[in-house]
Amino acid sequence: MLGELADAVEICRHDLRTPEGIRRNNELGIKTFPTIAINGAIFFESVIPSEPELFEAIRSRL
């Protein structure tokens, strides 16, 4: 899926059914779902980006 970005990124999912997931959600300031944050910055909120949009956002934060 990530192709050339595979070695440069780490994907983390935070389960809101756990205290750790709730804590991380609050730290990031996430208010709606789905939300994609890259390096702690919210990039996509309430939207699932296209693959090119997502890859461009990732590249901009490397």
Foldseek 3Di string as FASTA:
>chain_A
DLVPCVVVDDDDDQDPVDPVSVVVCVQLVADAPDWDAAPSHTDDGPDDDDPVVVNVVNVVVD
